[in-house]
C-alpha atoms as a PDB file:
ATOM      1  CA  MET A   1       7.493   2.257  96.026  1.00  0.00           C
ATOM      2  CA  LEU A   2       7.581  -1.525  96.427  1.00  0.00           C
ATOM      3  CA  LEU A   3       4.530  -3.675  96.877  1.00  0.00           C
ATOM      4  CA  ALA A   4       4.477  -6.431  99.574  1.00  0.00           C
ATOM      5  CA  ASP A   5       6.019  -9.036  97.216  1.00  0.00           C
ATOM      6  CA  GLY A   6       8.730  -6.711  95.959  1.00  0.00           C
ATOM      7  CA  ARG A   7       7.081  -5.513  92.714  1.00  0.00           C
ATOM      8  CA  GLU A   8       7.537  -1.835  91.822  1.00  0.00           C
ATOM      9  CA  LEU A   9       4.616   0.637  91.689  1.00  0.00           C
ATOM     10  CA  ILE A  10       4.908   4.186  90.241  1.00  0.00           C
ATOM     11  CA  HIS A  11       2.359   7.013  90.612  1.00  0.00           C
ATOM     12  CA  PHE A  12       1.947   9.552  87.864  1.00  0.00           C
ATOM     13  CA  ASP A  13       0.106  12.456  89.436  1.00  0.00           C
ATOM     14  CA  ARG A  14      -1.053  15.909  88.421  1.00  0.00           C
ATOM     15  CA  ASP A  15       1.151  18.650  89.903  1.00  0.00           C
ATOM     16  CA  SER A  16      -1.459  19.376  92.592  1.00  0.00           C
ATOM     17  CA  SER A  17      -1.833  15.828  93.794  1.00  0.00           C
ATOM     18  CA  PRO A  18      -0.457  14.882  97.144  1.00  0.00           C
ATOM     19  CA  ALA A  19       2.100  12.045  97.589  1.00  0.00           C
ATOM     20  CA  ARG A  20       0.459   8.698  97.154  1.00  0.00           C
ATOM     21  CA  ASP A  21       3.056   6.226  98.439  1.00  0.00           C
ATOM     22  CA  VAL A  22       1.485   4.187 101.236  1.00  0.00           C
ATOM     23  CA  GLU A  23       2.740   0.942 102.737  1.00  0.00           C
ATOM     24  CA  ASP A  24       1.289  -2.160 101.137  1.00  0.00           C
ATOM     25  CA  LYS A  25      -0.028  -4.166 104.118  1.00  0.00           C
ATOM     26  CA  ARG A  26      -0.981  -7.282 102.243  1.00  0.00           C
ATOM     27  CA  ASP A  27       0.554 -10.675 103.120  1.00  0.00           C
ATOM     28  CA  LEU A  28       1.734 -11.684  99.635  1.00  0.00           C
ATOM     29  CA  GLU A  29       3.875 -14.697  98.786  1.00  0.00           C
ATOM     30  CA  PRO A  30       7.219 -13.971  97.161  1.00  0.00           C
ATOM     31  CA  ARG A  31       7.290 -14.085  93.402  1.00  0.00           C
ATOM     32  CA  GLY A  32       7.963 -17.520  91.962  1.00  0.00           C
ATOM     33  CA  ASP A  33      10.373 -18.681  89.286  1.00  0.00           C
ATOM     34  CA  ALA A  34      10.489 -16.762  86.024  1.00  0.00           C
ATOM     35  CA  PRO A  35       8.578 -18.046  83.056  1.00  0.00           C
ATOM     36  CA  ALA A  36      10.541 -19.796  80.269  1.00  0.00           C
ATOM     37  CA  LEU A  37      11.110 -18.727  76.719  1.00  0.00           C
ATOM     38  CA  ARG A  38      11.155 -21.487  74.157  1.00  0.00           C
ATOM     39  CA  HIS A  39      12.245 -21.025  70.577  1.00  0.00           C
ATOM     40  CA  ASP A  40      10.113 -22.405  67.724  1.00  0.00           C
ATOM     41  CA  PRO A  41      12.728 -23.343  65.063  1.00  0.00           C
ATOM     42  CA  LEU A  42      10.100 -23.725  62.335  1.00  0.00           C
ATOM     43  CA  LEU A  43       8.765 -20.197  62.597  1.00  0.00           C
ATOM     44  CA  ASP A  44      11.913 -18.716  64.219  1.00  0.00           C
ATOM     45  CA  GLU A  45       9.763 -17.245  67.016  1.00  0.00           C
ATOM     46  CA  TRP A  46       9.951 -17.188  70.798  1.00  0.00           C
ATOM     47  CA  VAL A  47       7.096 -18.429  72.966  1.00  0.00           C
ATOM     48  CA  SER A  48       6.728 -17.582  76.655  1.00  0.00           C
ATOM     49  CA  VAL A  49       5.638 -20.531  78.822  1.00  0.00           C
ATOM     50  CA  ALA A  50       4.177 -19.000  81.963  1.00  0.00           C
ATOM     51  CA  ALA A  51       2.143 -21.687  83.735  1.00  0.00           C
ATOM     52  CA  HIS A  52       1.571 -19.510  86.804  1.00  0.00           C
ATOM     53  CA  ARG A  53      -0.744 -17.283  84.789  1.00  0.00           C
ATOM     54  CA  LEU A  54      -3.420 -20.038  84.933  1.00  0.00           C
ATOM     55  CA  GLY A  55      -4.240 -18.769  88.442  1.00  0.00           C
ATOM     56  CA  ARG A  56      -4.571 -15.094  87.572  1.00  0.00           C
ATOM     57  CA  THR A  57      -7.602 -13.083  88.628  1.00  0.00           C
ATOM     58  CA  PHE A  58     -10.591 -13.573  86.294  1.00  0.00           C
ATOM     59  CA  LEU A  59     -13.431 -11.041  86.006  1.00  0.00           C
ATOM     60  CA  PRO A  60     -13.799 -10.065  89.630  1.00  0.00           C
ATOM     61  CA  SER A  61     -16.774  -8.104  90.872  1.00  0.00           C
ATOM     62  CA  PRO A  62     -16.410  -4.374  91.467  1.00  0.00           C
ATOM     63  CA  ASP A  63     -16.242  -5.016  95.192  1.00  0.00           C
ATOM     64  CA  ASP A  64     -13.257  -7.363  94.648  1.00  0.00           C
ATOM     65  CA  CYS A  65     -11.454  -5.415  91.982  1.00  0.00           C
ATOM     66  CA  PRO A  66      -7.623  -5.430  92.651  1.00  0.00           C
ATOM     67  CA  LEU A  67      -7.133  -2.376  90.418  1.00  0.00           C
ATOM     68  CA  CYS A  68      -9.365  -0.002  92.452  1.00  0.00           C
ATOM     69  CA  PRO A  69      -7.831   2.103  95.180  1.00  0.00           C
ATOM     70  CA  THR A  70      -7.440   0.461  98.608  1.00  0.00           C
ATOM     71  CA  ARG A  71     -10.281   1.097 100.965  1.00  0.00           C
ATOM     72  CA  PRO A  72     -11.020   0.171 104.593  1.00  0.00           C
ATOM     73  CA  GLY A  73     -11.320  -3.596 104.818  1.00  0.00           C
ATOM     74  CA  TYR A  74     -10.116  -4.300 101.262  1.00  0.00           C
ATOM     75  CA  LEU A  75      -6.419  -4.080 100.209  1.00  0.00           C
ATOM     76  CA  THR A  76      -5.689  -3.848  96.549  1.00  0.00           C
ATOM     77  CA  GLU A  77      -2.754  -3.585  94.133  1.00  0.00           C
ATOM     78  CA  VAL A  78      -2.814   0.168  94.685  1.00  0.00           C
ATOM     79  CA  PRO A  79      -2.201   0.808  98.406  1.00  0.00           C
ATOM     80  CA  SER A  80      -3.633   4.342  98.559  1.00  0.00           C
ATOM     81  CA  ASP A  81      -7.212   5.710  98.760  1.00  0.00           C
ATOM     82  CA  ASP A  82      -6.953   7.457  95.391  1.00  0.00           C
ATOM     83  CA  TYR A  83      -4.756   7.887  92.382  1.00  0.00           C
ATOM     84  CA  ASP A  84      -4.486   9.675  88.958  1.00  0.00           C
ATOM     85  CA  VAL A  85      -2.554   7.218  86.827  1.00  0.00           C
ATOM     86  CA  VAL A  86      -0.532   4.355  88.319  1.00  0.00           C
ATOM     87  CA  VAL A  87       1.850   1.778  86.783  1.00  0.00           C
ATOM     88  CA  PHE A  88       3.008  -1.374  88.538  1.00  0.00           C
ATOM     89  CA  GLU A  89       4.646  -4.701  87.729  1.00  0.00           C
ATOM     90  CA  ASN A  90       2.076  -7.353  86.752  1.00  0.00           C
ATOM     91  CA  ARG A  91       1.479  -9.935  89.453  1.00  0.00           C
ATOM     92  CA  PHE A  92       1.144 -12.670  86.773  1.00  0.00           C
ATOM     93  CA  PRO A  93       3.790 -11.671  84.196  1.00  0.00           C
ATOM     94  CA  SER A  94       4.814 -13.351  80.934  1.00  0.00           C
ATOM     95  CA  PHE A  95       8.291 -11.825  81.405  1.00  0.00           C
ATOM     96  CA  VAL A  96      10.170 -10.813  84.526  1.00  0.00           C
ATOM     97  CA  GLY A  97      13.418  -8.980  85.449  1.00  0.00           C
ATOM     98  CA  GLY A  98      16.464 -11.052  85.859  1.00  0.00           C
ATOM     99  CA  PRO A  99      19.940 -11.703  84.533  1.00  0.00           C
ATOM    100  CA  VAL A 100      20.360 -11.888  80.837  1.00  0.00           C
ATOM    101  CA  ALA A 101      21.731 -15.331  79.848  1.00  0.00           C
ATOM    102  CA  GLN A 102      22.596 -17.099  76.600  1.00  0.00           C
ATOM    103  CA  PRO A 103      19.977 -19.660  75.541  1.00  0.00           C
ATOM    104  CA  ALA A 104      20.478 -23.278  76.604  1.00  0.00           C
ATOM    105  CA  THR A 105      19.961 -25.938  74.024  1.00  0.00           C
ATOM    106  CA  LEU A 106      18.252 -29.356  73.969  1.00  0.00           C
ATOM    107  CA  GLY A 107      19.400 -30.510  70.596  1.00  0.00           C
ATOM    108  CA  LEU A 108      17.338 -28.487  68.080  1.00  0.00           C
ATOM    109  CA  PHE A 109      15.557 -26.533  70.831  1.00  0.00           C
ATOM    110  CA  GLU A 110      16.659 -23.409  72.556  1.00  0.00           C
ATOM    111  CA  HIS A 111      15.298 -22.038  75.838  1.00  0.00           C
ATOM    112  CA  HIS A 112      16.084 -19.565  78.570  1.00  0.00           C
ATOM    113  CA  PRO A 113      14.327 -17.709  81.447  1.00  0.00           C
ATOM    114  CA  ALA A 114      11.809 -15.154  80.061  1.00  0.00           C
ATOM    115  CA  TRP A 115      13.538 -12.006  81.217  1.00  0.00           C
ATOM    116  CA  GLY A 116      11.942  -8.690  80.545  1.00  0.00           C
ATOM    117  CA  ARG A 117       9.023  -6.934  82.238  1.00  0.00           C
ATOM    118  CA  CYS A 118       5.239  -6.774  82.223  1.00  0.00           C
ATOM    119  CA  GLU A 119       3.529  -3.678  83.633  1.00  0.00           C
ATOM    120  CA  VAL A 120      -0.106  -2.695  84.276  1.00  0.00           C
ATOM    121  CA  VAL A 121      -1.224   0.911  83.589  1.00  0.00           C
ATOM    122  CA  CYS A 122      -4.386   1.975  85.461  1.00  0.00           C
ATOM    123  CA  PHE A 123      -5.901   5.051  83.697  1.00  0.00           C
ATOM    124  CA  THR A 124      -8.355   6.026  86.427  1.00  0.00           C
ATOM    125  CA  PRO A 125      -9.602   4.884  89.839  1.00  0.00           C
ATOM    126  CA  ASP A 126     -13.156   4.889  88.431  1.00  0.00           C
ATOM    127  CA  HIS A 127     -13.973   1.176  88.030  1.00  0.00           C
ATOM    128  CA  ASP A 128     -16.883   1.827  85.625  1.00  0.00           C
ATOM    129  CA  ALA A 129     -15.103   4.286  83.279  1.00  0.00           C
ATOM    130  CA  SER A 130     -13.220   3.666  80.089  1.00  0.00           C
ATOM    131  CA  PHE A 131     -10.334   5.435  78.387  1.00  0.00           C
ATOM    132  CA  ALA A 132     -12.837   7.244  76.149  1.00  0.00           C
ATOM    133  CA  ASP A 133     -14.371   8.822  79.308  1.00  0.00           C
ATOM    134  CA  LEU A 134     -11.130  10.545  80.321  1.00  0.00           C
ATOM    135  CA  ASP A 135     -10.747  14.264  79.993  1.00  0.00           C
ATOM    136  CA  HIS A 136      -7.821  15.779  78.082  1.00  0.00           C
ATOM    137  CA  ASP A 137      -5.645  16.184  81.103  1.00  0.00           C
ATOM    138  CA  ARG A 138      -6.040  12.672  82.303  1.00  0.00           C
ATOM    139  CA  ALA A 139      -5.387  11.216  78.829  1.00  0.00           C
ATOM    140  CA  ARG A 140      -2.355  13.507  78.515  1.00  0.00           C
ATOM    141  CA  LEU A 141      -1.078  12.078  81.824  1.00  0.00           C
ATOM    142  CA  VAL A 142      -1.468   8.552  80.605  1.00  0.00           C
ATOM    143  CA  ILE A 143       0.580   9.424  77.425  1.00  0.00           C
ATOM    144  CA  GLU A 144       3.243  10.873  79.686  1.00  0.00           C
ATOM    145  CA  ALA A 145       3.280   7.570  81.602  1.00  0.00           C
ATOM    146  CA  TRP A 146       3.603   5.598  78.395  1.00  0.00           C
ATOM    147  CA  ALA A 147       6.506   7.753  77.178  1.00  0.00           C
ATOM    148  CA  ASP A 148       8.299   7.612  80.558  1.00  0.00           C
ATOM    149  CA  ARG A 149       7.996   3.806  80.819  1.00  0.00           C
ATOM    150  CA  THR A 150       9.101   3.453  77.187  1.00  0.00           C
ATOM    151  CA  THR A 151      12.275   5.376  78.021  1.00  0.00           C
ATOM    152  CA  GLU A 152      12.979   3.422  81.210  1.00  0.00           C
ATOM    153  CA  LEU A 153      12.267  -0.005  79.777  1.00  0.00           C
ATOM    154  CA  SER A 154      14.174   0.575  76.622  1.00  0.00           C
ATOM    155  CA  ALA A 155      17.281   1.266  78.751  1.00  0.00           C
ATOM    156  CA  THR A 156      16.883  -2.069  80.655  1.00  0.00           C
ATOM    157  CA  PRO A 157      19.535  -4.647  79.777  1.00  0.00           C
ATOM    158  CA  GLY A 158      18.218  -7.327  77.506  1.00  0.00           C
ATOM    159  CA  VAL A 159      15.093  -5.550  76.358  1.00  0.00           C
ATOM    160  CA  GLU A 160      14.719  -5.343  72.628  1.00  0.00           C
ATOM    161  CA  GLN A 161      11.194  -3.952  72.197  1.00  0.00           C
ATOM    162  CA  VAL A 162       8.620  -2.048  74.264  1.00  0.00           C
ATOM    163  CA  PHE A 163       4.939  -2.626  73.499  1.00  0.00           C
ATOM    164  CA  VAL A 164       2.233  -0.385  74.963  1.00  0.00           C
ATOM    165  CA  PHE A 165      -1.313  -1.680  74.521  1.00  0.00           C
ATOM    166  CA  GLU A 166      -4.854  -1.872  75.862  1.00  0.00           C
ATOM    167  CA  ASN A 167      -7.269  -4.717  75.614  1.00  0.00           C
ATOM    168  CA  ARG A 168     -10.840  -3.534  76.207  1.00  0.00           C
ATOM    169  CA  GLY A 169     -13.914  -5.748  76.507  1.00  0.00           C
ATOM    170  CA  GLU A 170     -14.643  -9.348  77.311  1.00  0.00           C
ATOM    171  CA  ALA A 171     -14.968 -10.208  73.626  1.00  0.00           C
ATOM    172  CA  ILE A 172     -11.288  -9.418  73.312  1.00  0.00           C
ATOM    173  CA  GLY A 173     -10.469 -11.728  76.170  1.00  0.00           C
ATOM    174  CA  VAL A 174     -10.130  -9.138  79.040  1.00  0.00           C
ATOM    175  CA  THR A 175     -10.076 -10.702  82.499  1.00  0.00           C
ATOM    176  CA  MET A 176     -10.165  -7.373  84.399  1.00  0.00           C
ATOM    177  CA  ARG A 177     -12.998  -4.907  83.672  1.00  0.00           C
ATOM    178  CA  HIS A 178     -11.331  -1.980  85.436  1.00  0.00           C
ATOM    179  CA  PRO A 179      -9.908   0.437  82.724  1.00  0.00           C
ATOM    180  CA  HIS A 180      -6.276  -0.393  82.299  1.00  0.00           C
ATOM    181  CA  GLY A 181      -3.620  -1.136  79.758  1.00  0.00           C
ATOM    182  CA  GLN A 182      -0.300  -2.964  79.778  1.00  0.00           C
ATOM    183  CA  ILE A 183       3.296  -2.574  78.731  1.00  0.00           C
ATOM    184  CA  TYR A 184       5.488  -5.479  77.725  1.00  0.00           C
ATOM    185  CA  ALA A 185       9.267  -5.250  77.516  1.00  0.00           C
ATOM    186  CA  TYR A 186      10.315  -8.144  75.289  1.00  0.00           C
ATOM    187  CA  PRO A 187      13.806  -9.695  75.189  1.00  0.00           C
ATOM    188  CA  PHE A 188      13.374 -10.105  71.429  1.00  0.00           C
ATOM    189  CA  VAL A 189      11.844  -8.289  68.432  1.00  0.00           C
ATOM    190  CA  THR A 190       8.230  -9.529  68.006  1.00  0.00           C
ATOM    191  CA  PRO A 191       7.277 -11.427  64.825  1.00  0.00           C
ATOM    192  CA  THR A 192       4.882  -8.647  63.624  1.00  0.00           C
ATOM    193  CA  THR A 193       7.543  -5.999  64.018  1.00  0.00           C
ATOM    194  CA  ARG A 194      10.188  -8.066  62.404  1.00  0.00           C
ATOM    195  CA  SER A 195       7.980  -8.721  59.430  1.00  0.00           C
ATOM    196  CA  GLN A 196       7.213  -5.036  59.025  1.00  0.00           C
ATOM    197  CA  LEU A 197      10.915  -4.108  59.266  1.00  0.00           C
ATOM    198  CA  ASP A 198      11.703  -6.757  56.576  1.00  0.00           C
ATOM    199  CA  SER A 199       9.167  -5.144  54.283  1.00  0.00           C
ATOM    200  CA  ALA A 200      10.516  -1.641  55.151  1.00  0.00           C
ATOM    201  CA  GLY A 201      14.057  -2.840  54.403  1.00  0.00           C
ATOM    202  CA  ARG A 202      13.073  -4.154  50.951  1.00  0.00           C
ATOM    203  CA  HIS A 203      11.245  -0.959  50.229  1.00  0.00           C
ATOM    204  CA  LEU A 204      14.199   1.198  51.179  1.00  0.00           C
ATOM    205  CA  ALA A 205      16.477  -0.905  48.982  1.00  0.00           C
ATOM    206  CA  ALA A 206      14.151  -0.552  45.988  1.00  0.00           C
ATOM    207  CA  THR A 207      13.155   3.112  46.327  1.00  0.00           C
ATOM    208  CA  GLY A 208      15.515   4.797  48.803  1.00  0.00           C
ATOM    209  CA  ARG A 209      12.406   5.841  50.861  1.00  0.00           C
ATOM    210  CA  ASN A 210      10.875   4.835  54.169  1.00  0.00           C
ATOM    211  CA  LEU A 211       7.879   2.562  53.794  1.00  0.00           C
ATOM    212  CA  TYR A 212       5.913   3.950  56.706  1.00  0.00           C
ATOM    213  CA  ASP A 213       6.307   7.482  55.276  1.00  0.00           C
ATOM    214  CA  ASP A 214       5.136   6.346  51.855  1.00  0.00           C
ATOM    215  CA  ILE A 215       2.097   4.524  53.329  1.00  0.00           C
ATOM    216  CA  VAL A 216       1.006   7.621  55.167  1.00  0.00           C
ATOM    217  CA  ALA A 217       1.532   9.886  52.157  1.00  0.00           C
ATOM    218  CA  ALA A 218      -0.434   7.435  49.890  1.00  0.00           C
ATOM    219  CA  GLU A 219      -3.336   7.249  52.270  1.00  0.00           C
ATOM    220  CA  VAL A 220      -3.460  11.007  52.676  1.00  0.00           C
ATOM    221  CA  ALA A 221      -3.276  11.555  48.896  1.00  0.00           C
ATOM    222  CA  ASP A 222      -6.101   9.026  48.251  1.00  0.00           C
ATOM    223  CA  GLY A 223      -8.241  10.383  51.135  1.00  0.00           C
ATOM    224  CA  SER A 224     -11.062   7.847  50.847  1.00  0.00           C
ATOM    225  CA  ARG A 225      -9.912   5.993  53.937  1.00  0.00           C
ATOM    226  CA  VAL A 226      -8.761   8.998  56.057  1.00  0.00           C
ATOM    227  CA  VAL A 227     -10.869   9.216  59.248  1.00  0.00           C
ATOM    228  CA  LEU A 228      -9.459  12.326  60.867  1.00  0.00           C
ATOM    229  CA  SER A 229      -6.423  14.611  60.786  1.00  0.00           C
ATOM    230  CA  SER A 230      -4.915  17.234  63.010  1.00  0.00           C
ATOM    231  CA  GLU A 231      -1.867  19.401  63.082  1.00  0.00           C
ATOM    232  CA  HIS A 232       0.369  16.514  64.216  1.00  0.00           C
ATOM    233  CA  TRP A 233      -1.571  13.288  63.529  1.00  0.00           C
ATOM    234  CA  VAL A 234      -3.476  11.476  60.805  1.00  0.00           C
ATOM    235  CA  ALA A 235      -5.756   8.491  61.183  1.00  0.00           C
ATOM    236  CA  PHE A 236      -6.943   6.176  58.382  1.00  0.00           C
ATOM    237  CA  VAL A 237      -8.335   2.778  57.722  1.00  0.00           C
ATOM    238  CA  PRO A 238      -5.566   0.806  55.937  1.00  0.00           C
ATOM    239  CA  PHE A 239      -6.017  -0.146  52.295  1.00  0.00           C
ATOM    240  CA  ALA A 240      -5.898  -3.870  53.257  1.00  0.00           C
ATOM    241  CA  ALA A 241      -7.723  -3.733  56.625  1.00  0.00           C
ATOM    242  CA  ARG A 242      -8.093  -7.120  58.213  1.00  0.00           C
ATOM    243  CA  TRP A 243     -10.685  -6.348  60.925  1.00  0.00           C
ATOM    244  CA  PRO A 244     -14.395  -5.258  60.774  1.00  0.00           C
ATOM    245  CA  VAL A 245     -13.366  -2.073  62.598  1.00  0.00           C
ATOM    246  CA  GLU A 246      -9.757  -1.009  62.137  1.00  0.00           C
ATOM    247  CA  VAL A 247      -7.974   2.337  62.080  1.00  0.00           C
ATOM    248  CA  HIS A 248      -4.269   3.272  62.150  1.00  0.00           C
ATOM    249  CA  LEU A 249      -2.985   6.490  63.695  1.00  0.00           C
ATOM    250  CA  TYR A 250       0.410   8.012  62.687  1.00  0.00           C
ATOM    251  CA  PRO A 251       2.230  11.179  63.773  1.00  0.00           C
ATOM    252  CA  ARG A 252       2.949  13.394  60.750  1.00  0.00           C
ATOM    253  CA  ARG A 253       6.588  13.461  61.824  1.00  0.00           C
ATOM    254  CA  ARG A 254       8.109  10.025  61.833  1.00  0.00           C
ATOM    255  CA  VAL A 255       9.477   9.105  65.198  1.00  0.00           C
ATOM    256  CA  PRO A 256      10.680   5.804  66.635  1.00  0.00           C
ATOM    257  CA  ASP A 257       8.549   5.672  69.797  1.00  0.00           C
ATOM    258  CA  LEU A 258       6.319   7.522  72.211  1.00  0.00           C
ATOM    259  CA  ALA A 259       9.231   8.911  74.136  1.00  0.00           C
ATOM    260  CA  ALA A 260      10.352  10.854  70.994  1.00  0.00           C
ATOM    261  CA  LEU A 261       7.139  12.889  70.738  1.00  0.00           C
ATOM    262  CA  THR A 262       7.282  16.591  71.436  1.00  0.00           C
ATOM    263  CA  GLU A 263       5.051  18.268  73.976  1.00  0.00           C
ATOM    264  CA  ALA A 264       2.900  19.610  71.247  1.00  0.00           C
ATOM    265  CA  GLU A 265       2.558  16.195  69.648  1.00  0.00           C
ATOM    266  CA  ARG A 266       1.545  14.639  72.970  1.00  0.00           C
ATOM    267  CA  ASP A 267      -0.971  17.355  73.653  1.00  0.00           C
ATOM    268  CA  ASP A 268      -2.530  16.843  70.247  1.00  0.00           C
ATOM    269  CA  LEU A 269      -2.457  13.105  70.622  1.00  0.00           C
ATOM    270  CA  ALA A 270      -4.595  13.253  73.781  1.00  0.00           C
ATOM    271  CA  ASP A 271      -7.437  14.868  71.858  1.00  0.00           C
ATOM    272  CA  VAL A 272      -7.101  12.832  68.686  1.00  0.00           C
ATOM    273  CA  TYR A 273      -6.946   9.486  70.586  1.00  0.00           C
ATOM    274  CA  LEU A 274     -10.027  10.301  72.672  1.00  0.00           C
ATOM    275  CA  ASP A 275     -11.746  11.249  69.468  1.00  0.00           C
ATOM    276  CA  LEU A 276     -10.972   7.873  67.844  1.00  0.00           C
ATOM    277  CA  LEU A 277     -12.063   5.861  70.854  1.00  0.00           C
ATOM    278  CA  ARG A 278     -15.385   7.706  71.019  1.00  0.00           C
ATOM    279  CA  ARG A 279     -15.992   7.076  67.317  1.00  0.00           C
ATOM    280  CA  GLY A 280     -15.340   3.460  68.050  1.00  0.00           C
ATOM    281  CA  ASP A 281     -18.031   3.332  70.678  1.00  0.00           C
ATOM    282  CA  ALA A 282     -20.410   5.097  68.266  1.00  0.00           C
ATOM    283  CA  PHE A 283     -19.678   2.730  65.386  1.00  0.00           C
ATOM    284  CA  PHE A 284     -22.311   0.196  66.398  1.00  0.00           C
ATOM    285  CA  GLY A 285     -23.775   2.187  69.310  1.00  0.00           C
ATOM    286  CA  ILE A 286     -22.229  -0.133  71.911  1.00  0.00           C
ATOM    287  CA  PRO A 287     -19.012  -0.060  73.922  1.00  0.00           C
ATOM    288  CA  LEU A 288     -16.579  -1.312  71.300  1.00  0.00           C
ATOM    289  CA  PRO A 289     -14.288  -4.209  72.317  1.00  0.00           C
ATOM    290  CA  TYR A 290     -10.892  -3.320  70.954  1.00  0.00           C
ATOM    291  CA  ILE A 291      -7.144  -3.793  71.015  1.00  0.00           C
ATOM    292  CA  ALA A 292      -5.180  -0.572  70.938  1.00  0.00           C
ATOM    293  CA  ALA A 293      -1.596  -1.525  69.935  1.00  0.00           C
ATOM    294  CA  TRP A 294       1.217   1.009  69.870  1.00  0.00           C
ATOM    295  CA  HIS A 295       3.876  -0.183  67.437  1.00  0.00           C
ATOM    296  CA  GLN A 296       7.278   1.213  68.327  1.00  0.00           C
ATOM    297  CA  ALA A 297      10.691   0.748  66.795  1.00  0.00           C
ATOM    298  CA  PRO A 298      12.925  -1.854  68.431  1.00  0.00           C
ATOM    299  CA  VAL A 299      15.590  -0.670  70.819  1.00  0.00           C
ATOM    300  CA  THR A 300      18.500  -1.597  68.570  1.00  0.00           C
ATOM    301  CA  ASP A 301      17.537  -3.828  65.617  1.00  0.00           C
ATOM    302  CA  ARG A 302      16.923  -1.674  62.495  1.00  0.00           C
ATOM    303  CA  ARG A 303      15.587   1.119  64.686  1.00  0.00           C
ATOM    304  CA  ASP A 304      16.105   3.685  61.917  1.00  0.00           C
ATOM    305  CA  LEU A 305      13.494   1.826  59.741  1.00  0.00           C
ATOM    306  CA  GLY A 306      10.770   1.722  62.399  1.00  0.00           C
ATOM    307  CA  ALA A 307       7.998   4.184  63.061  1.00  0.00           C
ATOM    308  CA  LEU A 308       5.671   4.843  65.913  1.00  0.00           C
ATOM    309  CA  HIS A 309       2.013   4.201  65.042  1.00  0.00           C
ATOM    310  CA  LEU A 310      -1.164   2.974  66.626  1.00  0.00           C
ATOM    311  CA  GLU A 311      -3.209   0.072  65.308  1.00  0.00           C
ATOM    312  CA  LEU A 312      -6.716   0.127  66.810  1.00  0.00           C
ATOM    313  CA  PHE A 313      -9.031  -2.796  65.844  1.00  0.00           C
ATOM    314  CA  SER A 314     -12.075  -4.735  67.014  1.00  0.00           C
ATOM    315  CA  VAL A 315     -13.513  -8.238  66.503  1.00  0.00           C
ATOM    316  CA  GLN A 316     -16.989  -6.701  66.590  1.00  0.00           C
ATOM    317  CA  ARG A 317     -18.505  -7.130  63.104  1.00  0.00           C
ATOM    318  CA  SER A 318     -22.051  -5.889  63.934  1.00  0.00           C
ATOM    319  CA  ALA A 319     -23.949  -4.760  66.972  1.00  0.00           C
ATOM    320  CA  ASP A 320     -24.685  -8.380  67.959  1.00  0.00           C
ATOM    321  CA  LYS A 321     -22.011 -10.460  66.120  1.00  0.00           C
ATOM    322  CA  LEU A 322     -18.291 -11.087  66.566  1.00  0.00           C
ATOM    323  CA  LYS A 323     -15.676 -12.015  64.055  1.00  0.00           C
ATOM    324  CA  TYR A 324     -13.978 -15.328  65.026  1.00  0.00           C
ATOM    325  CA  LEU A 325     -10.683 -16.276  63.459  1.00  0.00           C
ATOM    326  CA  ALA A 326     -11.430 -19.330  61.480  1.00  0.00           C
ATOM    327  CA  GLY A 327      -9.129 -21.861  59.752  1.00  0.00           C
ATOM    328  CA  SER A 328      -7.656 -19.533  57.165  1.00  0.00           C
ATOM    329  CA  GLU A 329      -6.835 -16.826  59.713  1.00  0.00           C
ATOM    330  CA  SER A 330      -5.806 -18.839  62.729  1.00  0.00           C
ATOM    331  CA  ALA A 331      -3.929 -21.572  60.937  1.00  0.00           C
ATOM    332  CA  MET A 332      -2.569 -19.781  57.859  1.00  0.00           C
ATOM    333  CA  GLY A 333      -2.525 -16.107  58.858  1.00  0.00           C
ATOM    334  CA  SER A 334      -4.535 -15.281  55.754  1.00  0.00           C
ATOM    335  CA  PHE A 335      -7.296 -12.839  56.642  1.00  0.00           C
ATOM    336  CA  ILE A 336     -10.734 -12.353  55.049  1.00  0.00           C
ATOM    337  CA  ASN A 337     -12.540  -9.124  55.854  1.00  0.00           C
ATOM    338  CA  ASP A 338     -16.371  -8.946  55.504  1.00  0.00           C
ATOM    339  CA  ARG A 339     -16.339  -5.098  55.389  1.00  0.00           C
ATOM    340  CA  GLU A 340     -14.663  -2.900  52.780  1.00  0.00           C
ATOM    341  CA  PRO A 341     -12.015  -0.589  54.270  1.00  0.00           C
ATOM    342  CA  GLU A 342     -13.594   2.439  52.559  1.00  0.00           C
ATOM    343  CA  ALA A 343     -16.948   1.605  54.267  1.00  0.00           C
ATOM    344  CA  ILE A 344     -15.184   1.357  57.681  1.00  0.00           C
ATOM    345  CA  ALA A 345     -13.667   4.799  57.145  1.00  0.00           C
ATOM    346  CA  GLU A 346     -16.984   6.277  55.968  1.00  0.00           C
ATOM    347  CA  ARG A 347     -18.718   5.086  59.107  1.00  0.00           C
ATOM    348  CA  LEU A 348     -15.969   6.361  61.414  1.00  0.00           C
ATOM    349  CA  ARG A 349     -16.232   9.768  59.731  1.00  0.00           C
ATOM    350  CA  GLU A 350     -20.052   9.755  60.207  1.00  0.00           C
ATOM    351  CA  VAL A 351     -19.861   9.161  63.879  1.00  0.00           C
ATOM    352  CA  ALA A 352     -17.472  11.991  64.755  1.00  0.00           C
ATOM    353  CA  PRO A 353     -18.163  13.282  68.254  1.00  0.00           C
ATOM    354  CA  ARG A 354     -20.327  16.453  68.312  1.00  0.00           C
END
């Protein structure tokens, strides 16, 4: 269905759920001009300039939450009185749909409209819940939504990479407390992915093997940083962890993206992911602020080298202290971790859900 300003909304419901599409009766202004992409020639990176995001909603009260279901007297982004999982275009996007065009130039500088797409994924209508509170079936439905949107967005002209993620907690910078995640469809390959693929390419040339496969095999063989494992998945704290709490999750079978997972792998993932999130909340005994970042292979660029994996990390360094990125990390990208990766893994094993 379409919202009042023309944005798309999609319901993902359990088989027994009734149809949810209801007319959006809000009086919304049409969407404005697209953000702009500007190229940084020094770093060879693209930056989205989206000035309209300055006016986005900031930490509304539960009574004013736009991600809750619509109720009498209060119309929200979801024009129905209930939902299971819902995905809709972000009202304040960094990238928007539009014609793909060649960059314009201003001497050394390149720019063009920031085509692509930004979506919001609401996991539950319960404003006070978190992903870790979901049951298996609801988590499995979210995974199905992630996979479906990865497929659809990867087929969109001009999209080069699909990024599924969740920011949780005000310490991370969340501006909406309602449990939700996001999906970005970029018109370029992101710097982090490009750097990983460069390393994977060098490793392949030197050894004839895939770097992601070798990292998983090495962590499993060592074992000291493995947090949990299942039939289809393995989670470990990486050897050179950057964050006070950090764990990576890989499928045992290398696949490029969420859409490539089998039904059995998706079922297993629902349980494993919930397990990891609950361990995170038990790490310090507080709701852990985190970023859950699903790395997926680009749509075309060196796709055969890429590998689906989750990077889950937090800026929380103790129950009452945060890690702030100081000069070395913010300016130089050179991280310093106050906690040994082996100690992070040991703690995550200790707090396994009973």
